[in-house]
Amino acid sequence: MSHNPFRSLAAQYLHATLPEHRRRTTPVTTRVYKAHFKLSPSQTERVWVKLGQSVHGGNHYYRTTDTPPQILRFQADIMPEHLLWTLHYMKHYATEEHTAVLFGTTTKTFRKYFWAVVHFLTILCDDLVSNAMIRCTTSFA
């Protein structure tokens, strides 16, 4: 099993209730990882890299609904664990309260970062669709 930062991060969350000696010796297999996050650790890492590339250099940010609103920027404020939170929620559709407890945060914090990651994923999707359309139209021209 190769080292992947997302696999290690997942182990922190998924093994939090295990005794200390078991946490160090129980690996998060790809099968277990995918059961929680839908993607494999390497796919998750690729999504993270693609997200960074799609918002890099652009004026992309997420404005929260807090009063006063906060501005969240990718890789400055959005961390890899926030992507895991989002993937887990999208796979299981548990309540926000349940997911927040699983990841050791408050519902308010979970909601703020979940929606920020969803926002950045839509930018990635727009970028992927635009690039695919450009390739598609240029190949037919």
N, C-alpha and C. Protein backbone atom coordinates (compact mmCIF):
# COMPACT_ATOMS: atom_id res chain seq x y z
N MET A 1 0.84 -1.17 0.00
CA MET A 1 0.00 0.00 0.00
C MET A 1 0.89 1.24 0.00
N SER A 2 0.76 2.08 -1.02
CA SER A 2 1.59 3.28 -1.10
C SER A 2 1.05 4.35 -0.16
N HIS A 3 1.97 5.26 0.20
CA HIS A 3 1.57 6.35 1.10
C HIS A 3 0.74 7.36 0.32
N ASN A 4 -0.37 7.71 0.86
CA ASN A 4 -1.25 8.71 0.27
C ASN A 4 -1.74 9.58 1.41
N PRO A 5 -1.62 10.91 1.30
CA PRO A 5 -2.05 11.76 2.40
C PRO A 5 -3.53 11.61 2.73
N PHE A 6 -4.35 11.30 1.74
CA PHE A 6 -5.78 11.13 2.00
C PHE A 6 -6.06 9.84 2.75
N ARG A 7 -5.28 8.81 2.47
CA ARG A 7 -5.43 7.54 3.20
C ARG A 7 -5.08 7.75 4.67
N SER A 8 -3.99 8.49 4.92
CA SER A 8 -3.57 8.77 6.30
C SER A 8 -4.60 9.62 7.02
N LEU A 9 -5.12 10.61 6.33
CA LEU A 9 -6.14 11.49 6.92
C LEU A 9 -7.40 10.70 7.24
N ALA A 10 -7.80 9.83 6.32
CA ALA A 10 -8.98 8.99 6.55
C ALA A 10 -8.78 8.09 7.76
N ALA A 11 -7.57 7.57 7.92
CA ALA A 11 -7.29 6.70 9.07
C ALA A 11 -7.50 7.44 10.38
N GLN A 12 -7.13 8.71 10.43
CA GLN A 12 -7.33 9.49 11.65
C GLN A 12 -8.81 9.54 12.03
N TYR A 13 -9.66 9.74 11.04
CA TYR A 13 -11.10 9.83 11.31
C TYR A 13 -11.73 8.46 11.55
N LEU A 14 -11.41 7.51 10.68
CA LEU A 14 -12.08 6.21 10.74
C LEU A 14 -11.62 5.36 11.91
N HIS A 15 -10.41 5.61 12.40
CA HIS A 15 -9.89 4.82 13.52
C HIS A 15 -9.90 5.59 14.84
N ALA A 16 -10.57 6.71 14.87
CA ALA A 16 -10.57 7.54 16.08
C ALA A 16 -11.09 6.80 17.31
N THR A 17 -12.01 5.88 17.11
CA THR A 17 -12.58 5.18 18.27
C THR A 17 -11.82 3.91 18.65
N LEU A 18 -10.82 3.55 17.85
CA LEU A 18 -10.02 2.36 18.18
C LEU A 18 -9.03 2.68 19.30
N PRO A 19 -8.66 1.68 20.09
CA PRO A 19 -7.60 1.90 21.09
C PRO A 19 -6.30 2.31 20.38
N GLU A 20 -5.48 3.05 21.06
CA GLU A 20 -4.25 3.60 20.48
C GLU A 20 -3.39 2.54 19.78
N HIS A 21 -3.17 1.40 20.41
CA HIS A 21 -2.31 0.38 19.80
C HIS A 21 -2.91 -0.18 18.51
N ARG A 22 -4.23 -0.20 18.39
CA ARG A 22 -4.88 -0.69 17.16
C ARG A 22 -4.87 0.36 16.05
N ARG A 23 -4.92 1.65 16.43
CA ARG A 23 -4.90 2.72 15.43
C ARG A 23 -3.64 2.67 14.58
N ARG A 24 -2.52 2.38 15.23
CA ARG A 24 -1.24 2.38 14.52
C ARG A 24 -1.08 1.16 13.62
N THR A 25 -1.76 0.07 13.91
CA THR A 25 -1.53 -1.17 13.18
C THR A 25 -2.67 -1.56 12.24
N THR A 26 -3.76 -0.83 12.24
CA THR A 26 -4.89 -1.17 11.38
C THR A 26 -4.90 -0.25 10.17
N PRO A 27 -4.55 -0.79 8.99
CA PRO A 27 -4.51 0.07 7.80
C PRO A 27 -5.91 0.36 7.27
N VAL A 28 -6.03 1.46 6.58
CA VAL A 28 -7.27 1.76 5.86
C VAL A 28 -7.06 1.23 4.45
N THR A 29 -7.67 0.11 4.16
CA THR A 29 -7.54 -0.49 2.83
C THR A 29 -8.31 0.35 1.82
N THR A 30 -8.01 0.13 0.57
CA THR A 30 -8.72 0.86 -0.49
C THR A 30 -10.21 0.53 -0.43
N ARG A 31 -10.53 -0.70 -0.13
CA ARG A 31 -11.93 -1.12 -0.05
C ARG A 31 -12.67 -0.35 1.06
N VAL A 32 -12.05 -0.24 2.23
CA VAL A 32 -12.65 0.49 3.35
C VAL A 32 -12.75 1.98 3.00
N TYR A 33 -11.69 2.51 2.42
CA TYR A 33 -11.68 3.92 2.03
C TYR A 33 -12.83 4.22 1.07
N LYS A 34 -12.97 3.39 0.03
CA LYS A 34 -14.04 3.60 -0.95
C LYS A 34 -15.43 3.42 -0.34
N ALA A 35 -15.54 2.57 0.67
CA ALA A 35 -16.82 2.38 1.33
C ALA A 35 -17.28 3.66 2.03
N HIS A 36 -16.33 4.47 2.45
CA HIS A 36 -16.66 5.71 3.15
C HIS A 36 -16.71 6.92 2.23
N PHE A 37 -15.85 6.95 1.20
CA PHE A 37 -15.69 8.17 0.41
C PHE A 37 -15.99 8.01 -1.08
N LYS A 38 -16.39 6.83 -1.51
CA LYS A 38 -16.75 6.50 -2.89
C LYS A 38 -15.54 6.39 -3.83
N LEU A 39 -14.59 7.30 -3.70
CA LEU A 39 -13.40 7.28 -4.54
C LEU A 39 -12.27 6.54 -3.82
N SER A 40 -11.26 6.13 -4.58
CA SER A 40 -10.07 5.55 -3.96
C SER A 40 -9.19 6.70 -3.46
N PRO A 41 -8.20 6.41 -2.62
CA PRO A 41 -7.30 7.49 -2.18
C PRO A 41 -6.61 8.20 -3.35
N SER A 42 -6.18 7.45 -4.36
CA SER A 42 -5.51 8.10 -5.50
C SER A 42 -6.49 8.95 -6.31
N GLN A 43 -7.73 8.50 -6.45
CA GLN A 43 -8.73 9.32 -7.14
C GLN A 43 -9.02 10.60 -6.36
N THR A 44 -9.08 10.48 -5.04
CA THR A 44 -9.30 11.65 -4.20
C THR A 44 -8.16 12.65 -4.37
N GLU A 45 -6.95 12.13 -4.40
CA GLU A 45 -5.79 13.00 -4.58
C GLU A 45 -5.84 13.70 -5.94
N ARG A 46 -6.26 12.98 -6.97
CA ARG A 46 -6.39 13.59 -8.31
C ARG A 46 -7.44 14.69 -8.32
N VAL A 47 -8.55 14.47 -7.64
CA VAL A 47 -9.59 15.51 -7.55
C VAL A 47 -9.01 16.74 -6.86
N TRP A 48 -8.26 16.53 -5.78
CA TRP A 48 -7.66 17.65 -5.04
C TRP A 48 -6.71 18.45 -5.95
N VAL A 49 -5.88 17.74 -6.70
CA VAL A 49 -4.93 18.41 -7.60
C VAL A 49 -5.69 19.16 -8.70
N LYS A 50 -6.69 18.51 -9.28
CA LYS A 50 -7.49 19.16 -10.33
C LYS A 50 -8.21 20.39 -9.79
N LEU A 51 -8.72 20.30 -8.56
CA LEU A 51 -9.36 21.47 -7.95
C LEU A 51 -8.37 22.62 -7.86
N GLY A 52 -7.17 22.32 -7.39
CA GLY A 52 -6.14 23.35 -7.28
C GLY A 52 -5.80 23.96 -8.63
N GLN A 53 -5.74 23.14 -9.66
CA GLN A 53 -5.42 23.64 -11.00
C GLN A 53 -6.56 24.49 -11.57
N SER A 54 -7.80 24.11 -11.30
CA SER A 54 -8.92 24.83 -11.89
C SER A 54 -9.14 26.19 -11.24
N VAL A 55 -8.78 26.33 -9.97
CA VAL A 55 -9.00 27.63 -9.30
C VAL A 55 -7.71 28.44 -9.20
N HIS A 56 -6.57 27.84 -9.58
CA HIS A 56 -5.27 28.54 -9.48
C HIS A 56 -5.25 29.76 -10.40
N GLY A 57 -4.82 30.87 -9.84
CA GLY A 57 -4.67 32.08 -10.63
C GLY A 57 -5.97 32.80 -10.90
N GLY A 58 -7.07 32.14 -10.63
CA GLY A 58 -8.36 32.79 -10.84
C GLY A 58 -8.78 33.54 -9.59
N ASN A 59 -9.81 34.26 -9.72
CA ASN A 59 -10.34 35.02 -8.59
C ASN A 59 -11.49 34.23 -7.97
N HIS A 60 -11.23 32.96 -7.67
CA HIS A 60 -12.27 32.08 -7.15
C HIS A 60 -12.27 32.09 -5.62
N TYR A 61 -13.43 32.28 -5.07
CA TYR A 61 -13.58 32.23 -3.62
C TYR A 61 -15.02 31.84 -3.32
N TYR A 62 -15.25 31.51 -2.07
CA TYR A 62 -16.60 31.18 -1.61
C TYR A 62 -16.96 32.15 -0.50
N ARG A 63 -18.09 32.78 -0.63
CA ARG A 63 -18.58 33.71 0.40
C ARG A 63 -19.62 32.97 1.25
N THR A 64 -19.34 32.86 2.54
CA THR A 64 -20.24 32.15 3.44
C THR A 64 -21.50 32.98 3.69
N THR A 65 -22.48 32.34 4.27
CA THR A 65 -23.72 33.04 4.61
C THR A 65 -23.70 33.57 6.04
N ASP A 66 -22.53 33.50 6.68
CA ASP A 66 -22.40 34.02 8.04
C ASP A 66 -22.63 35.53 8.06
N THR A 67 -22.89 36.04 9.24
CA THR A 67 -22.98 37.49 9.42
C THR A 67 -21.88 37.89 10.37
N PRO A 68 -20.89 38.64 9.95
CA PRO A 68 -20.62 39.05 8.56
C PRO A 68 -20.10 37.86 7.74
N PRO A 69 -20.27 37.93 6.42
CA PRO A 69 -19.81 36.82 5.58
C PRO A 69 -18.29 36.66 5.64
N GLN A 70 -17.84 35.42 5.48
CA GLN A 70 -16.41 35.13 5.40
C GLN A 70 -16.08 34.77 3.96
N ILE A 71 -14.87 35.08 3.56
CA ILE A 71 -14.39 34.70 2.25
C ILE A 71 -13.46 33.51 2.44
N LEU A 72 -13.74 32.41 1.77
CA LEU A 72 -12.89 31.22 1.84
C LEU A 72 -12.24 30.99 0.49
N ARG A 73 -10.94 30.81 0.49
CA ARG A 73 -10.20 30.56 -0.74
C ARG A 73 -9.64 29.14 -0.69
N PHE A 74 -9.59 28.52 -1.86
CA PHE A 74 -9.08 27.16 -1.97
C PHE A 74 -7.60 27.13 -1.60
N GLN A 75 -7.18 26.15 -0.88
CA GLN A 75 -5.82 25.90 -0.39
C GLN A 75 -5.33 26.94 0.62
N ALA A 76 -6.00 28.05 0.76
CA ALA A 76 -5.67 28.97 1.84
C ALA A 76 -6.56 28.62 3.03
N ASP A 77 -7.83 28.36 2.76
CA ASP A 77 -8.80 28.06 3.82
C ASP A 77 -9.36 26.64 3.72
N ILE A 78 -9.43 26.11 2.51
CA ILE A 78 -9.99 24.77 2.29
C ILE A 78 -8.85 23.77 2.38
N MET A 79 -9.00 22.81 3.26
CA MET A 79 -7.97 21.80 3.51
C MET A 79 -8.42 20.43 2.97
N PRO A 80 -7.49 19.50 2.79
CA PRO A 80 -7.86 18.17 2.29
C PRO A 80 -8.96 17.49 3.10
N GLU A 81 -8.97 17.69 4.42
CA GLU A 81 -10.02 17.04 5.21
C GLU A 81 -11.41 17.54 4.82
N HIS A 82 -11.51 18.77 4.35
CA HIS A 82 -12.82 19.29 3.94
C HIS A 82 -13.32 18.56 2.70
N LEU A 83 -12.41 18.17 1.82
CA LEU A 83 -12.80 17.35 0.67
C LEU A 83 -13.30 15.99 1.16
N LEU A 84 -12.62 15.39 2.14
CA LEU A 84 -13.09 14.11 2.68
C LEU A 84 -14.47 14.25 3.30
N TRP A 85 -14.70 15.32 4.06
CA TRP A 85 -16.02 15.55 4.66
C TRP A 85 -17.08 15.56 3.56
N THR A 86 -16.77 16.28 2.49
CA THR A 86 -17.74 16.44 1.40
C THR A 86 -17.99 15.12 0.69
N LEU A 87 -16.93 14.39 0.40
CA LEU A 87 -17.10 13.10 -0.28
C LEU A 87 -17.91 12.13 0.59
N HIS A 88 -17.62 12.12 1.88
CA HIS A 88 -18.35 11.24 2.78
C HIS A 88 -19.83 11.60 2.81
N TYR A 89 -20.11 12.87 2.94
CA TYR A 89 -21.51 13.32 3.00
C TYR A 89 -22.23 12.99 1.69
N MET A 90 -21.57 13.22 0.57
CA MET A 90 -22.20 12.95 -0.73
C MET A 90 -22.42 11.45 -0.96
N LYS A 91 -21.60 10.62 -0.37
CA LYS A 91 -21.78 9.17 -0.53
C LYS A 91 -22.91 8.66 0.35
N HIS A 92 -22.99 9.15 1.58
CA HIS A 92 -23.91 8.56 2.55
C HIS A 92 -25.18 9.37 2.80
N TYR A 93 -25.15 10.64 2.54
CA TYR A 93 -26.28 11.53 2.80
C TYR A 93 -26.84 11.34 4.21
N ALA A 94 -25.93 11.21 5.16
CA ALA A 94 -26.34 11.20 6.57
C ALA A 94 -26.70 12.65 6.94
N THR A 95 -27.20 12.85 8.12
CA THR A 95 -27.50 14.22 8.53
C THR A 95 -26.20 14.99 8.72
N GLU A 96 -26.30 16.30 8.64
CA GLU A 96 -25.12 17.14 8.88
C GLU A 96 -24.59 16.90 10.29
N GLU A 97 -25.49 16.74 11.23
CA GLU A 97 -25.09 16.52 12.63
C GLU A 97 -24.29 15.23 12.77
N HIS A 98 -24.76 14.18 12.12
CA HIS A 98 -24.06 12.89 12.18
C HIS A 98 -22.67 13.00 11.56
N THR A 99 -22.59 13.60 10.39
CA THR A 99 -21.31 13.73 9.70
C THR A 99 -20.34 14.61 10.48
N ALA A 100 -20.85 15.69 11.06
CA ALA A 100 -20.00 16.59 11.85
C ALA A 100 -19.40 15.85 13.04
N VAL A 101 -20.20 15.04 13.72
CA VAL A 101 -19.70 14.28 14.87
C VAL A 101 -18.63 13.28 14.42
N LEU A 102 -18.87 12.60 13.30
CA LEU A 102 -17.90 11.63 12.79
C LEU A 102 -16.55 12.29 12.56
N PHE A 103 -16.56 13.52 12.07
CA PHE A 103 -15.31 14.21 11.75
C PHE A 103 -14.85 15.15 12.86
N GLY A 104 -15.51 15.11 14.00
CA GLY A 104 -15.05 15.85 15.17
C GLY A 104 -15.13 17.36 15.02
N THR A 105 -16.22 17.83 14.43
CA THR A 105 -16.40 19.26 14.25
C THR A 105 -17.84 19.63 14.60
N THR A 106 -18.15 20.91 14.53
CA THR A 106 -19.52 21.34 14.80
C THR A 106 -20.32 21.31 13.50
N THR A 107 -21.62 21.28 13.62
CA THR A 107 -22.48 21.30 12.44
C THR A 107 -22.27 22.57 11.64
N LYS A 108 -22.12 23.68 12.32
CA LYS A 108 -21.92 24.97 11.64
C LYS A 108 -20.62 24.96 10.83
N THR A 109 -19.55 24.45 11.43
CA THR A 109 -18.27 24.38 10.72
C THR A 109 -18.34 23.41 9.56
N PHE A 110 -18.96 22.25 9.78
CA PHE A 110 -19.12 21.28 8.70
C PHE A 110 -19.85 21.91 7.53
N ARG A 111 -20.97 22.55 7.81
CA ARG A 111 -21.80 23.16 6.76
C ARG A 111 -21.01 24.20 5.97
N LYS A 112 -20.26 25.03 6.68
CA LYS A 112 -19.49 26.10 6.02
C LYS A 112 -18.50 25.52 5.02
N TYR A 113 -17.73 24.51 5.44
CA TYR A 113 -16.71 23.96 4.56
C TYR A 113 -17.29 23.02 3.51
N PHE A 114 -18.37 22.33 3.85
CA PHE A 114 -19.03 21.46 2.86
C PHE A 114 -19.47 22.29 1.67
N TRP A 115 -20.18 23.39 1.93
CA TRP A 115 -20.69 24.19 0.83
C TRP A 115 -19.57 24.89 0.07
N ALA A 116 -18.49 25.23 0.74
CA ALA A 116 -17.35 25.82 0.05
C ALA A 116 -16.73 24.81 -0.92
N VAL A 117 -16.55 23.56 -0.47
CA VAL A 117 -15.99 22.53 -1.35
C VAL A 117 -16.93 22.25 -2.51
N VAL A 118 -18.22 22.19 -2.26
CA VAL A 118 -19.19 21.99 -3.34
C VAL A 118 -19.05 23.12 -4.37
N HIS A 119 -18.91 24.34 -3.88
CA HIS A 119 -18.72 25.49 -4.78
C HIS A 119 -17.49 25.29 -5.66
N PHE A 120 -16.37 24.91 -5.06
CA PHE A 120 -15.15 24.71 -5.83
C PHE A 120 -15.26 23.51 -6.77
N LEU A 121 -16.00 22.49 -6.37
CA LEU A 121 -16.22 21.35 -7.28
C LEU A 121 -17.02 21.77 -8.50
N THR A 122 -17.96 22.69 -8.33
CA THR A 122 -18.72 23.16 -9.50
C THR A 122 -17.82 23.93 -10.46
N ILE A 123 -16.84 24.66 -9.93
CA ILE A 123 -15.88 25.34 -10.80
C ILE A 123 -15.06 24.31 -11.56
N LEU A 124 -14.65 23.25 -10.87
CA LEU A 124 -13.91 22.18 -11.52
C LEU A 124 -14.76 21.53 -12.61
N CYS A 125 -16.02 21.28 -12.32
CA CYS A 125 -16.91 20.67 -13.32
C CYS A 125 -17.07 21.58 -14.52
N ASP A 126 -17.25 22.88 -14.27
CA ASP A 126 -17.36 23.83 -15.38
C ASP A 126 -16.10 23.81 -16.22
N ASP A 127 -14.94 23.77 -15.56
CA ASP A 127 -13.67 23.74 -16.26
C ASP A 127 -13.54 22.46 -17.09
N LEU A 128 -13.90 21.32 -16.50
CA LEU A 128 -13.80 20.05 -17.22
C LEU A 128 -14.75 20.02 -18.41
N VAL A 129 -15.97 20.51 -18.22
CA VAL A 129 -16.94 20.52 -19.31
C VAL A 129 -16.47 21.47 -20.40
N SER A 130 -15.97 22.65 -20.04
CA SER A 130 -15.48 23.62 -21.03
C SER A 130 -14.33 23.03 -21.83
N ASN A 131 -13.37 22.40 -21.15
CA ASN A 131 -12.23 21.81 -21.86
C ASN A 131 -12.68 20.67 -22.77
N ALA A 132 -13.62 19.87 -22.31
CA ALA A 132 -14.11 18.77 -23.13
C ALA A 132 -14.84 19.32 -24.36
N MET A 133 -15.60 20.39 -24.18
CA MET A 133 -16.33 20.98 -25.29
C MET A 133 -15.36 21.59 -26.29
N ILE A 134 -14.31 22.25 -25.80
CA ILE A 134 -13.32 22.83 -26.70
C ILE A 134 -12.65 21.74 -27.50
N ARG A 135 -12.23 20.64 -26.82
CA ARG A 135 -11.61 19.53 -27.52
C ARG A 135 -12.58 18.91 -28.53
N CYS A 136 -13.82 18.80 -28.11
CA CYS A 136 -14.84 18.19 -28.97
C CYS A 136 -15.06 19.05 -30.22
N THR A 137 -15.24 20.35 -30.03
CA THR A 137 -15.53 21.22 -31.18
C THR A 137 -14.33 21.38 -32.08
N THR A 138 -13.11 21.40 -31.52
CA THR A 138 -11.93 21.53 -32.36
C THR A 138 -11.65 20.24 -33.13
N SER A 139 -12.04 19.10 -32.59
CA SER A 139 -11.79 17.86 -33.31
C SER A 139 -12.75 17.70 -34.49
N PHE A 140 -13.89 18.38 -34.46
CA PHE A 140 -14.85 18.30 -35.55
C PHE A 140 -14.64 19.42 -36.57
N ALA A 141 -13.85 20.41 -36.22
CA ALA A 141 -13.68 21.56 -37.13
C ALA A 141 -12.75 21.22 -38.28
